PDB file of N, CA and C in Angstrom:
ATOM      1  N   UNK A   1       0.847  -1.169   0.000  1.00  0.00           N
ATOM      2  CA  UNK A   1       0.000   0.000   0.000  1.00  0.00           C
ATOM      3  C   UNK A   1       0.900   1.241   0.000  1.00  0.00           C
ATOM      4  N   UNK A   2       0.739   2.128  -0.962  1.00  0.00           N
ATOM      5  CA  UNK A   2       1.564   3.341  -1.016  1.00  0.00           C
ATOM      6  C   UNK A   2       1.381   4.225   0.217  1.00  0.00           C
ATOM      7  N   UNK A   3       2.466   4.871   0.617  1.00  0.00           N
ATOM      8  CA  UNK A   3       2.444   5.767   1.779  1.00  0.00           C
ATOM      9  C   UNK A   3       2.487   7.212   1.310  1.00  0.00           C
ATOM     10  N   UNK A   4       1.556   8.000   1.837  1.00  0.00           N
ATOM     11  CA  UNK A   4       1.479   9.420   1.533  1.00  0.00           C
ATOM     12  C   UNK A   4       1.774  10.227   2.787  1.00  0.00           C
ATOM     13  N   UNK A   5       2.583  11.250   2.624  1.00  0.00           N
ATOM     14  CA  UNK A   5       2.789  12.250   3.657  1.00  0.00           C
ATOM     15  C   UNK A   5       2.229  13.554   3.118  1.00  0.00           C
ATOM     16  N   UNK A   6       1.275  14.129   3.845  1.00  0.00           N
ATOM     17  CA  UNK A   6       0.712  15.421   3.474  1.00  0.00           C
ATOM     18  C   UNK A   6       1.168  16.418   4.532  1.00  0.00           C
ATOM     19  N   UNK A   7       2.034  17.335   4.111  1.00  0.00           N
ATOM     20  CA  UNK A   7       2.621  18.329   5.009  1.00  0.00           C
ATOM     21  C   UNK A   7       1.856  19.629   4.824  1.00  0.00           C
ATOM     22  N   UNK A   8       1.116  20.039   5.856  1.00  0.00           N
ATOM     23  CA  UNK A   8       0.322  21.260   5.777  1.00  0.00           C
ATOM     24  C   UNK A   8       0.956  22.303   6.701  1.00  0.00           C
ATOM     25  N   UNK A   9       1.443  23.375   6.092  1.00  0.00           N
ATOM     26  CA  UNK A   9       2.045  24.461   6.867  1.00  0.00           C
ATOM     27  C   UNK A   9       1.263  25.754   6.699  1.00  0.00           C
ATOM     28  N   UNK A  10       0.152  25.675   5.992  1.00  0.00           N
ATOM     29  CA  UNK A  10      -0.729  26.822   5.781  1.00  0.00           C
ATOM     30  C   UNK A  10      -1.810  26.822   6.856  1.00  0.00           C
ATOM     31  N   UNK A  11      -2.087  27.992   7.385  1.00  0.00           N
ATOM     32  CA  UNK A  11      -3.069  28.113   8.457  1.00  0.00           C
ATOM     33  C   UNK A  11      -4.421  28.617   7.982  1.00  0.00           C
ATOM     34  N   UNK A  12      -5.282  28.948   8.928  1.00  0.00           N
ATOM     35  CA  UNK A  12      -6.649  29.375   8.635  1.00  0.00           C
ATOM     36  C   UNK A  12      -6.748  30.651   7.797  1.00  0.00           C
ATOM     37  N   UNK A  13      -5.690  31.448   7.745  1.00  0.00           N
ATOM     38  CA  UNK A  13      -5.729  32.668   6.948  1.00  0.00           C
ATOM     39  C   UNK A  13      -5.912  32.362   5.459  1.00  0.00           C
ATOM     40  N   UNK A  14      -5.515  31.176   5.032  1.00  0.00           N
ATOM     41  CA  UNK A  14      -5.726  30.729   3.651  1.00  0.00           C
ATOM     42  C   UNK A  14      -6.560  29.449   3.707  1.00  0.00           C
ATOM     43  N   UNK A  15      -7.854  29.651   3.962  1.00  0.00           N
ATOM     44  CA  UNK A  15      -8.765  28.513   4.158  1.00  0.00           C
ATOM     45  C   UNK A  15      -8.787  27.569   2.963  1.00  0.00           C
ATOM     46  N   UNK A  16      -8.676  28.114   1.759  1.00  0.00           N
ATOM     47  CA  UNK A  16      -8.707  27.247   0.578  1.00  0.00           C
ATOM     48  C   UNK A  16      -7.546  26.273   0.563  1.00  0.00           C
ATOM     49  N   UNK A  17      -6.354  26.780   0.785  1.00  0.00           N
ATOM     50  CA  UNK A  17      -5.165  25.929   0.731  1.00  0.00           C
ATOM     51  C   UNK A  17      -5.126  24.958   1.908  1.00  0.00           C
ATOM     52  N   UNK A  18      -5.482  25.433   3.098  1.00  0.00           N
ATOM     53  CA  UNK A  18      -5.458  24.576   4.289  1.00  0.00           C
ATOM     54  C   UNK A  18      -6.454  23.428   4.167  1.00  0.00           C
ATOM     55  N   UNK A  19      -7.676  23.731   3.735  1.00  0.00           N
ATOM     56  CA  UNK A  19      -8.675  22.668   3.606  1.00  0.00           C
ATOM     57  C   UNK A  19      -8.380  21.770   2.411  1.00  0.00           C
ATOM     58  N   UNK A  20      -7.744  22.310   1.384  1.00  0.00           N
ATOM     59  CA  UNK A  20      -7.358  21.478   0.242  1.00  0.00           C
ATOM     60  C   UNK A  20      -6.375  20.396   0.680  1.00  0.00           C
ATOM     61  N   UNK A  21      -5.416  20.758   1.523  1.00  0.00           N
ATOM     62  CA  UNK A  21      -4.481  19.763   2.036  1.00  0.00           C
ATOM     63  C   UNK A  21      -5.204  18.631   2.751  1.00  0.00           C
ATOM     64  N   UNK A  22      -6.182  18.987   3.563  1.00  0.00           N
ATOM     65  CA  UNK A  22      -6.956  17.971   4.289  1.00  0.00           C
ATOM     66  C   UNK A  22      -7.806  17.147   3.338  1.00  0.00           C
ATOM     67  N   UNK A  23      -8.396  17.789   2.339  1.00  0.00           N
ATOM     68  CA  UNK A  23      -9.221  17.082   1.362  1.00  0.00           C
ATOM     69  C   UNK A  23      -8.400  16.079   0.561  1.00  0.00           C
ATOM     70  N   UNK A  24      -7.201  16.467   0.164  1.00  0.00           N
ATOM     71  CA  UNK A  24      -6.332  15.571  -0.590  1.00  0.00           C
ATOM     72  C   UNK A  24      -5.901  14.387   0.287  1.00  0.00           C
ATOM     73  N   UNK A  25      -5.572  14.664   1.550  1.00  0.00           N
ATOM     74  CA  UNK A  25      -5.221  13.577   2.473  1.00  0.00           C
ATOM     75  C   UNK A  25      -6.387  12.610   2.609  1.00  0.00           C
ATOM     76  N   UNK A  26      -7.581  13.145   2.696  1.00  0.00           N
ATOM     77  CA  UNK A  26      -8.774  12.303   2.812  1.00  0.00           C
ATOM     78  C   UNK A  26      -8.994  11.472   1.550  1.00  0.00           C
ATOM     79  N   UNK A  27      -8.783  12.078   0.394  1.00  0.00           N
ATOM     80  CA  UNK A  27      -8.935  11.334  -0.872  1.00  0.00           C
ATOM     81  C   UNK A  27      -7.957  10.168  -0.927  1.00  0.00           C
ATOM     82  N   UNK A  28      -6.719  10.397  -0.494  1.00  0.00           N
ATOM     83  CA  UNK A  28      -5.723   9.315  -0.485  1.00  0.00           C
ATOM     84  C   UNK A  28      -6.134   8.207   0.485  1.00  0.00           C
ATOM     85  N   UNK A  29      -6.627   8.583   1.653  1.00  0.00           N
ATOM     86  CA  UNK A  29      -7.057   7.590   2.640  1.00  0.00           C
ATOM     87  C   UNK A  29      -8.242   6.780   2.113  1.00  0.00           C
ATOM     88  N   UNK A  30      -9.163   7.449   1.447  1.00  0.00           N
ATOM     89  CA  UNK A  30     -10.334   6.746   0.895  1.00  0.00           C
ATOM     90  C   UNK A  30      -9.937   5.760  -0.202  1.00  0.00           C
ATOM     91  N   UNK A  31      -8.803   5.984  -0.857  1.00  0.00           N
ATOM     92  CA  UNK A  31      -8.307   5.045  -1.867  1.00  0.00           C
ATOM     93  C   UNK A  31      -7.532   3.897  -1.234  1.00  0.00           C
ATOM     94  N   UNK A  32      -7.450   3.903   0.097  1.00  0.00           N
ATOM     95  CA  UNK A  32      -6.791   2.813   0.798  1.00  0.00           C
ATOM     96  C   UNK A  32      -5.316   3.019   1.070  1.00  0.00           C
ATOM     97  N   UNK A  33      -4.803   4.216   0.800  1.00  0.00           N
ATOM     98  CA  UNK A  33      -3.389   4.481   1.038  1.00  0.00           C
ATOM     99  C   UNK A  33      -3.117   4.741   2.514  1.00  0.00           C
ATOM    100  N   UNK A  34      -1.900   4.507   2.904  1.00  0.00           N
ATOM    101  CA  UNK A  34      -1.426   4.807   4.254  1.00  0.00           C
ATOM    102  C   UNK A  34      -1.075   6.296   4.270  1.00  0.00           C
ATOM    103  N   UNK A  35      -1.784   7.080   5.090  1.00  0.00           N
ATOM    104  CA  UNK A  35      -1.640   8.537   5.059  1.00  0.00           C
ATOM    105  C   UNK A  35      -1.232   9.060   6.433  1.00  0.00           C
ATOM    106  N   UNK A  36      -0.258   9.957   6.432  1.00  0.00           N
ATOM    107  CA  UNK A  36       0.117  10.716   7.616  1.00  0.00           C
ATOM    108  C   UNK A  36       0.032  12.192   7.247  1.00  0.00           C
ATOM    109  N   UNK A  37      -0.555  12.985   8.137  1.00  0.00           N
ATOM    110  CA  UNK A  37      -0.617  14.434   7.953  1.00  0.00           C
ATOM    111  C   UNK A  37       0.314  15.062   8.980  1.00  0.00           C
ATOM    112  N   UNK A  38       1.237  15.890   8.506  1.00  0.00           N
ATOM    113  CA  UNK A  38       2.155  16.606   9.391  1.00  0.00           C
ATOM    114  C   UNK A  38       1.783  18.079   9.341  1.00  0.00           C
ATOM    115  N   UNK A  39       1.386  18.624  10.485  1.00  0.00           N
ATOM    116  CA  UNK A  39       1.021  20.035  10.585  1.00  0.00           C
ATOM    117  C   UNK A  39       2.184  20.806  11.194  1.00  0.00           C
ATOM    118  N   UNK A  40       2.618  21.851  10.505  1.00  0.00           N
ATOM    119  CA  UNK A  40       3.726  22.674  10.995  1.00  0.00           C
ATOM    120  C   UNK A  40       3.426  24.131  10.673  1.00  0.00           C
ATOM    121  N   UNK A  41       4.231  25.027  11.217  1.00  0.00           N
ATOM    122  CA  UNK A  41       4.017  26.451  10.982  1.00  0.00           C
ATOM    123  C   UNK A  41       2.605  26.830  11.380  1.00  0.00           C
ATOM    124  N   UNK A  42       1.976  27.682  10.571  1.00  0.00           N
ATOM    125  CA  UNK A  42       0.607  28.100  10.882  1.00  0.00           C
ATOM    126  C   UNK A  42      -0.406  26.968  10.727  1.00  0.00           C
ATOM    127  N   UNK A  43       0.009  25.863  10.130  1.00  0.00           N
ATOM    128  CA  UNK A  43      -0.875  24.708  10.002  1.00  0.00           C
ATOM    129  C   UNK A  43      -1.294  24.120  11.338  1.00  0.00           C
ATOM    130  N   UNK A  44      -0.518  24.361  12.401  1.00  0.00           N
ATOM    131  CA  UNK A  44      -0.899  23.821  13.712  1.00  0.00           C
ATOM    132  C   UNK A  44      -2.211  24.421  14.198  1.00  0.00           C
ATOM    133  N   UNK A  45      -2.543  25.629  13.721  1.00  0.00           N
ATOM    134  CA  UNK A  45      -3.811  26.263  14.111  1.00  0.00           C
ATOM    135  C   UNK A  45      -5.020  25.426  13.685  1.00  0.00           C
ATOM    136  N   UNK A  46      -4.859  24.573  12.693  1.00  0.00           N
ATOM    137  CA  UNK A  46      -5.997  23.829  12.151  1.00  0.00           C
ATOM    138  C   UNK A  46      -6.623  22.890  13.167  1.00  0.00           C
ATOM    139  N   UNK A  47      -5.873  22.466  14.173  1.00  0.00           N
ATOM    140  CA  UNK A  47      -6.448  21.588  15.197  1.00  0.00           C
ATOM    141  C   UNK A  47      -7.126  22.367  16.325  1.00  0.00           C
ATOM    142  N   UNK A  48      -6.967  23.665  16.367  1.00  0.00           N
ATOM    143  CA  UNK A  48      -7.561  24.472  17.439  1.00  0.00           C
ATOM    144  C   UNK A  48      -9.068  24.599  17.218  1.00  0.00           C
ATOM    145  N   UNK A  49      -9.856  24.362  18.262  1.00  0.00           N
ATOM    146  CA  UNK A  49     -11.319  24.450  18.122  1.00  0.00           C
ATOM    147  C   UNK A  49     -11.798  25.780  17.535  1.00  0.00           C
ATOM    148  N   UNK A  50     -11.095  26.849  17.781  1.00  0.00           N
ATOM    149  CA  UNK A  50     -11.500  28.161  17.271  1.00  0.00           C
ATOM    150  C   UNK A  50     -11.518  28.220  15.746  1.00  0.00           C
ATOM    151  N   UNK A  51     -10.808  27.306  15.092  1.00  0.00           N
ATOM    152  CA  UNK A  51     -10.714  27.343  13.636  1.00  0.00           C
ATOM    153  C   UNK A  51     -11.461  26.199  12.959  1.00  0.00           C
ATOM    154  N   UNK A  52     -12.191  25.396  13.717  1.00  0.00           N
ATOM    155  CA  UNK A  52     -12.890  24.236  13.159  1.00  0.00           C
ATOM    156  C   UNK A  52     -13.916  24.618  12.097  1.00  0.00           C
ATOM    157  N   UNK A  53     -14.430  25.829  12.162  1.00  0.00           N
ATOM    158  CA  UNK A  53     -15.477  26.251  11.238  1.00  0.00           C
ATOM    159  C   UNK A  53     -14.987  26.781   9.907  1.00  0.00           C
ATOM    160  N   UNK A  54     -13.675  26.824   9.694  1.00  0.00           N
ATOM    161  CA  UNK A  54     -13.224  27.375   8.412  1.00  0.00           C
ATOM    162  C   UNK A  54     -13.650  26.465   7.274  1.00  0.00           C
ATOM    163  N   UNK A  55     -13.900  27.092   6.147  1.00  0.00           N
ATOM    164  CA  UNK A  55     -14.351  26.355   4.972  1.00  0.00           C
ATOM    165  C   UNK A  55     -13.722  26.972   3.738  1.00  0.00           C
ATOM    166  N   UNK A  56     -13.176  26.133   2.899  1.00  0.00           N
ATOM    167  CA  UNK A  56     -12.596  26.602   1.652  1.00  0.00           C
ATOM    168  C   UNK A  56     -13.644  26.651   0.556  1.00  0.00           C
ATOM    169  N   UNK A  57     -13.349  27.413  -0.464  1.00  0.00           N
ATOM    170  CA  UNK A  57     -14.252  27.500  -1.613  1.00  0.00           C
ATOM    171  C   UNK A  57     -14.055  26.270  -2.491  1.00  0.00           C
ATOM    172  N   UNK A  58     -14.968  25.340  -2.396  1.00  0.00           N
ATOM    173  CA  UNK A  58     -14.871  24.106  -3.166  1.00  0.00           C
ATOM    174  C   UNK A  58     -13.987  23.048  -2.539  1.00  0.00           C
ATOM    175  N   UNK A  59     -13.421  23.354  -1.375  1.00  0.00           N
ATOM    176  CA  UNK A  59     -12.531  22.389  -0.723  1.00  0.00           C
ATOM    177  C   UNK A  59     -13.081  21.892   0.602  1.00  0.00           C
ATOM    178  N   UNK A  60     -14.260  22.323   0.975  1.00  0.00           N
ATOM    179  CA  UNK A  60     -14.954  21.766   2.125  1.00  0.00           C
ATOM    180  C   UNK A  60     -14.659  22.418   3.463  1.00  0.00           C
ATOM    181  N   UNK A  61     -15.347  21.879   4.482  1.00  0.00           N
ATOM    182  CA  UNK A  61     -15.255  22.383   5.851  1.00  0.00           C
ATOM    183  C   UNK A  61     -14.181  21.603   6.609  1.00  0.00           C
ATOM    184  N   UNK A  62     -13.311  22.334   7.268  1.00  0.00           N
ATOM    185  CA  UNK A  62     -12.198  21.740   7.996  1.00  0.00           C
ATOM    186  C   UNK A  62     -12.665  20.706   9.010  1.00  0.00           C
ATOM    187  N   UNK A  63     -13.666  21.037   9.807  1.00  0.00           N
ATOM    188  CA  UNK A  63     -14.106  20.110  10.861  1.00  0.00           C
ATOM    189  C   UNK A  63     -14.555  18.771  10.285  1.00  0.00           C
ATOM    190  N   UNK A  64     -15.213  18.794   9.140  1.00  0.00           N
ATOM    191  CA  UNK A  64     -15.663  17.547   8.509  1.00  0.00           C
ATOM    192  C   UNK A  64     -14.471  16.724   8.021  1.00  0.00           C
ATOM    193  N   UNK A  65     -13.490  17.404   7.457  1.00  0.00           N
ATOM    194  CA  UNK A  65     -12.288  16.694   6.989  1.00  0.00           C
ATOM    195  C   UNK A  65     -11.536  16.064   8.161  1.00  0.00           C
ATOM    196  N   UNK A  66     -11.358  16.823   9.241  1.00  0.00           N
ATOM    197  CA  UNK A  66     -10.618  16.300  10.397  1.00  0.00           C
ATOM    198  C   UNK A  66     -11.322  15.086  11.000  1.00  0.00           C
ATOM    199  N   UNK A  67     -12.644  15.156  11.097  1.00  0.00           N
ATOM    200  CA  UNK A  67     -13.406  14.020  11.630  1.00  0.00           C
ATOM    201  C   UNK A  67     -13.250  12.795  10.735  1.00  0.00           C
ATOM    202  N   UNK A  68     -13.420  12.992   9.439  1.00  0.00           N
ATOM    203  CA  UNK A  68     -13.310  11.868   8.503  1.00  0.00           C
ATOM    204  C   UNK A  68     -11.896  11.280   8.499  1.00  0.00           C
ATOM    205  N   UNK A  69     -10.885  12.132   8.557  1.00  0.00           N
ATOM    206  CA  UNK A  69      -9.507  11.640   8.584  1.00  0.00           C
ATOM    207  C   UNK A  69      -9.262  10.798   9.830  1.00  0.00           C
ATOM    208  N   UNK A  70      -9.743  11.271  10.965  1.00  0.00           N
ATOM    209  CA  UNK A  70      -9.572  10.514  12.213  1.00  0.00           C
ATOM    210  C   UNK A  70     -10.302   9.183  12.148  1.00  0.00           C
ATOM    211  N   UNK A  71     -11.515   9.196  11.613  1.00  0.00           N
ATOM    212  CA  UNK A  71     -12.302   7.963  11.501  1.00  0.00           C
ATOM    213  C   UNK A  71     -11.625   6.946  10.582  1.00  0.00           C
ATOM    214  N   UNK A  72     -10.854   7.423   9.618  1.00  0.00           N
ATOM    215  CA  UNK A  72     -10.166   6.523   8.691  1.00  0.00           C
ATOM    216  C   UNK A  72      -8.809   6.082   9.212  1.00  0.00           C
ATOM    217  N   UNK A  73      -8.454   6.533  10.400  1.00  0.00           N
ATOM    218  CA  UNK A  73      -7.201   6.108  11.004  1.00  0.00           C
ATOM    219  C   UNK A  73      -5.978   6.866  10.541  1.00  0.00           C
ATOM    220  N   UNK A  74      -6.184   8.021   9.913  1.00  0.00           N
ATOM    221  CA  UNK A  74      -5.050   8.833   9.474  1.00  0.00           C
ATOM    222  C   UNK A  74      -4.341   9.388  10.705  1.00  0.00           C
ATOM    223  N   UNK A  75      -3.027   9.301  10.693  1.00  0.00           N
ATOM    224  CA  UNK A  75      -2.217   9.787  11.811  1.00  0.00           C
ATOM    225  C   UNK A  75      -1.833  11.240  11.579  1.00  0.00           C
ATOM    226  N   UNK A  76      -1.929  12.024  12.645  1.00  0.00           N
ATOM    227  CA  UNK A  76      -1.505  13.424  12.603  1.00  0.00           C
ATOM    228  C   UNK A  76      -0.251  13.581  13.434  1.00  0.00           C
ATOM    229  N   UNK A  77       0.727  14.266  12.873  1.00  0.00           N
ATOM    230  CA  UNK A  77       1.904  14.683  13.622  1.00  0.00           C
ATOM    231  C   UNK A  77       1.878  16.208  13.596  1.00  0.00           C
ATOM    232  N   UNK A  78       2.136  16.788  14.742  1.00  0.00           N
ATOM    233  CA  UNK A  78       2.047  18.234  14.889  1.00  0.00           C
ATOM    234  C   UNK A  78       3.399  18.748  15.373  1.00  0.00           C
ATOM    235  N   UNK A  79       3.937  19.722  14.679  1.00  0.00           N
ATOM    236  CA  UNK A  79       5.214  20.285  15.086  1.00  0.00           C
ATOM    237  C   UNK A  79       5.102  20.869  16.489  1.00  0.00           C
ATOM    238  N   UNK A  80       5.826  20.283  17.407  1.00  0.00           N
ATOM    239  CA  UNK A  80       5.819  20.781  18.776  1.00  0.00           C
ATOM    240  C   UNK A  80       6.408  22.175  18.874  1.00  0.00           C
ATOM    241  N   UNK A  81       7.427  22.444  18.068  1.00  0.00           N
ATOM    242  CA  UNK A  81       8.050  23.762  18.072  1.00  0.00           C
ATOM    243  C   UNK A  81       7.093  24.820  17.529  1.00  0.00           C
ATOM    244  N   UNK A  82       6.393  24.509  16.444  1.00  0.00           N
ATOM    245  CA  UNK A  82       5.431  25.453  15.874  1.00  0.00           C
ATOM    246  C   UNK A  82       4.272  25.696  16.842  1.00  0.00           C
ATOM    247  N   UNK A  83       3.806  24.627  17.472  1.00  0.00           N
ATOM    248  CA  UNK A  83       2.700  24.768  18.412  1.00  0.00           C
ATOM    249  C   UNK A  83       3.101  25.638  19.600  1.00  0.00           C
ATOM    250  N   UNK A  84       4.260  25.370  20.161  1.00  0.00           N
ATOM    251  CA  UNK A  84       4.727  26.135  21.319  1.00  0.00           C
ATOM    252  C   UNK A  84       4.907  27.607  20.953  1.00  0.00           C
ATOM    253  N   UNK A  85       5.465  27.876  19.796  1.00  0.00           N
ATOM    254  CA  UNK A  85       5.678  29.253  19.362  1.00  0.00           C
ATOM    255  C   UNK A  85       4.372  30.012  19.172  1.00  0.00           C
ATOM    256  N   UNK A  86       3.278  29.284  18.965  1.00  0.00           N
ATOM    257  CA  UNK A  86       1.974  29.900  18.755  1.00  0.00           C
ATOM    258  C   UNK A  86       1.081  29.811  19.995  1.00  0.00           C
ATOM    259  N   UNK A  87       1.675  29.402  21.115  1.00  0.00           N
ATOM    260  CA  UNK A  87       0.964  29.417  22.390  1.00  0.00           C
ATOM    261  C   UNK A  87       0.141  28.188  22.708  1.00  0.00           C
ATOM    262  N   UNK A  88       0.345  27.096  21.989  1.00  0.00           N
ATOM    263  CA  UNK A  88      -0.415  25.876  22.245  1.00  0.00           C
ATOM    264  C   UNK A  88       0.372  24.926  23.140  1.00  0.00           C
ATOM    265  N   UNK A  89      -0.377  24.106  23.874  1.00  0.00           N
ATOM    266  CA  UNK A  89       0.216  23.027  24.651  1.00  0.00           C
ATOM    267  C   UNK A  89      -0.481  21.731  24.247  1.00  0.00           C
ATOM    268  N   UNK A  90      -0.350  20.684  25.054  1.00  0.00           N
ATOM    269  CA  UNK A  90      -0.902  19.373  24.690  1.00  0.00           C
ATOM    270  C   UNK A  90      -2.421  19.373  24.545  1.00  0.00           C
ATOM    271  N   UNK A  91      -3.106  20.379  25.065  1.00  0.00           N
ATOM    272  CA  UNK A  91      -4.565  20.421  24.904  1.00  0.00           C
ATOM    273  C   UNK A  91      -4.956  20.587  23.428  1.00  0.00           C
ATOM    274  N   UNK A  92      -4.047  21.083  22.606  1.00  0.00           N
ATOM    275  CA  UNK A  92      -4.310  21.202  21.170  1.00  0.00           C
ATOM    276  C   UNK A  92      -4.622  19.844  20.549  1.00  0.00           C
ATOM    277  N   UNK A  93      -4.030  18.796  21.085  1.00  0.00           N
ATOM    278  CA  UNK A  93      -4.155  17.456  20.509  1.00  0.00           C
ATOM    279  C   UNK A  93      -5.431  16.735  20.932  1.00  0.00           C
ATOM    280  N   UNK A  94      -6.101  17.241  21.967  1.00  0.00           N
ATOM    281  CA  UNK A  94      -7.284  16.562  22.507  1.00  0.00           C
ATOM    282  C   UNK A  94      -8.368  16.410  21.445  1.00  0.00           C
ATOM    283  N   UNK A  95      -8.906  15.214  21.371  1.00  0.00           N
ATOM    284  CA  UNK A  95      -9.971  14.929  20.424  1.00  0.00           C
ATOM    285  C   UNK A  95      -9.475  14.583  19.027  1.00  0.00           C
ATOM    286  N   UNK A  96      -8.175  14.526  18.858  1.00  0.00           N
ATOM    287  CA  UNK A  96      -7.595  14.200  17.548  1.00  0.00           C
ATOM    288  C   UNK A  96      -6.630  13.028  17.701  1.00  0.00           C
ATOM    289  N   UNK A  97      -6.485  12.261  16.651  1.00  0.00           N
ATOM    290  CA  UNK A  97      -5.490  11.181  16.621  1.00  0.00           C
ATOM    291  C   UNK A  97      -4.155  11.821  16.271  1.00  0.00           C
ATOM    292  N   UNK A  98      -3.602  12.578  17.225  1.00  0.00           N
ATOM    293  CA  UNK A  98      -2.427  13.398  16.935  1.00  0.00           C
ATOM    294  C   UNK A  98      -1.402  13.297  18.048  1.00  0.00           C
ATOM    295  N   UNK A  99      -0.164  13.572  17.661  1.00  0.00           N
ATOM    296  CA  UNK A  99       0.916  13.646  18.644  1.00  0.00           C
ATOM    297  C   UNK A  99       1.923  14.679  18.175  1.00  0.00           C
ATOM    298  N   UNK A 100       2.635  15.257  19.131  1.00  0.00           N
ATOM    299  CA  UNK A 100       3.674  16.218  18.781  1.00  0.00           C
ATOM    300  C   UNK A 100       4.869  15.490  18.180  1.00  0.00           C
ATOM    301  N   UNK A 101       5.540  16.168  17.282  1.00  0.00           N
ATOM    302  CA  UNK A 101       6.729  15.604  16.637  1.00  0.00           C
ATOM    303  C   UNK A 101       7.724  16.733  16.384  1.00  0.00           C
ATOM    304  N   UNK A 102       8.956  16.357  16.286  1.00  0.00           N
ATOM    305  CA  UNK A 102      10.036  17.302  16.033  1.00  0.00           C
ATOM    306  C   UNK A 102      10.405  17.253  14.545  1.00  0.00           C
ATOM    307  N   UNK A 103      11.216  18.201  14.074  1.00  0.00           N
ATOM    308  CA  UNK A 103      11.577  18.234  12.649  1.00  0.00           C
ATOM    309  C   UNK A 103      12.197  16.935  12.129  1.00  0.00           C
ATOM    310  N   UNK A 104      12.932  16.220  12.967  1.00  0.00           N
ATOM    311  CA  UNK A 104      13.529  14.971  12.489  1.00  0.00           C
ATOM    312  C   UNK A 104      12.462  13.941  12.126  1.00  0.00           C
ATOM    313  N   UNK A 105      11.307  14.004  12.787  1.00  0.00           N
ATOM    314  CA  UNK A 105      10.208  13.096  12.441  1.00  0.00           C
ATOM    315  C   UNK A 105       9.670  13.418  11.051  1.00  0.00           C
ATOM    316  N   UNK A 106       9.603  14.699  10.719  1.00  0.00           N
ATOM    317  CA  UNK A 106       9.165  15.094   9.378  1.00  0.00           C
ATOM    318  C   UNK A 106      10.122  14.542   8.324  1.00  0.00           C
ATOM    319  N   UNK A 107      11.399  14.616   8.601  1.00  0.00           N
ATOM    320  CA  UNK A 107      12.403  14.084   7.669  1.00  0.00           C
ATOM    321  C   UNK A 107      12.228  12.577   7.510  1.00  0.00           C
ATOM    322  N   UNK A 108      12.056  11.878   8.620  1.00  0.00           N
ATOM    323  CA  UNK A 108      11.877  10.419   8.571  1.00  0.00           C
ATOM    324  C   UNK A 108      10.613  10.042   7.809  1.00  0.00           C
ATOM    325  N   UNK A 109       9.525  10.768   8.065  1.00  0.00           N
ATOM    326  CA  UNK A 109       8.264  10.481   7.374  1.00  0.00           C
ATOM    327  C   UNK A 109       8.395  10.738   5.871  1.00  0.00           C
ATOM    328  N   UNK A 110       9.072  11.819   5.512  1.00  0.00           N
ATOM    329  CA  UNK A 110       9.260  12.129   4.090  1.00  0.00           C
ATOM    330  C   UNK A 110      10.109  11.063   3.400  1.00  0.00           C
ATOM    331  N   UNK A 111      11.141  10.608   4.083  1.00  0.00           N
ATOM    332  CA  UNK A 111      12.017   9.601   3.512  1.00  0.00           C
ATOM    333  C   UNK A 111      11.276   8.275   3.319  1.00  0.00           C
ATOM    334  N   UNK A 112      10.384   7.943   4.236  1.00  0.00           N
ATOM    335  CA  UNK A 112       9.666   6.677   4.169  1.00  0.00           C
ATOM    336  C   UNK A 112       8.464   6.720   3.219  1.00  0.00           C
ATOM    337  N   UNK A 113       7.984   7.926   2.884  1.00  0.00           N
ATOM    338  CA  UNK A 113       6.780   8.056   2.048  1.00  0.00           C
ATOM    339  C   UNK A 113       7.098   7.774   0.592  1.00  0.00           C
ATOM    340  N   UNK A 114       6.102   7.273  -0.100  1.00  0.00           N
ATOM    341  CA  UNK A 114       6.196   7.127  -1.548  1.00  0.00           C
ATOM    342  C   UNK A 114       5.888   8.450  -2.234  1.00  0.00           C
ATOM    343  N   UNK A 115       5.011   9.228  -1.611  1.00  0.00           N
ATOM    344  CA  UNK A 115       4.608  10.528  -2.144  1.00  0.00           C
ATOM    345  C   UNK A 115       4.504  11.530  -1.020  1.00  0.00           C
ATOM    346  N   UNK A 116       5.065  12.722  -1.235  1.00  0.00           N
ATOM    347  CA  UNK A 116       4.964  13.824  -0.274  1.00  0.00           C
ATOM    348  C   UNK A 116       4.269  14.978  -0.976  1.00  0.00           C
ATOM    349  N   UNK A 117       3.213  15.475  -0.343  1.00  0.00           N
ATOM    350  CA  UNK A 117       2.465  16.620  -0.861  1.00  0.00           C
ATOM    351  C   UNK A 117       2.507  17.724   0.186  1.00  0.00           C
ATOM    352  N   UNK A 118       2.696  18.953  -0.251  1.00  0.00           N
ATOM    353  CA  UNK A 118       2.806  20.081   0.689  1.00  0.00           C
ATOM    354  C   UNK A 118       1.771  21.151   0.362  1.00  0.00           C
ATOM    355  N   UNK A 119       1.152  21.645   1.407  1.00  0.00           N
ATOM    356  CA  UNK A 119       0.142  22.701   1.279  1.00  0.00           C
ATOM    357  C   UNK A 119       0.386  23.779   2.292  1.00  0.00           C
TER     358      UNK A 119
END
């Protein structure tokens, strides 16, 4: 089964691009691929409840994508450094199949993936 890494570093300020990353990850998961989503930079905001309502034009609602991704067993890795710099702690991960990761984890995931997509 091919492995996909979807690296989302775009935050809620660009709802189209942020939700597109989630939509593409969901499409890969629905095709049966092994998918990991790595959130870094402003992308860490996407797990914050305050931003669950964002919706892209033609790319869907973030909250629906996050729920579907979790239900499909997609793993989320969240940059601990990006989260800390933006004022988040471990409560950001609550309710999500997510864990904090450091930059070396992103490198390892990219090396192991068959396909890496960045948004």
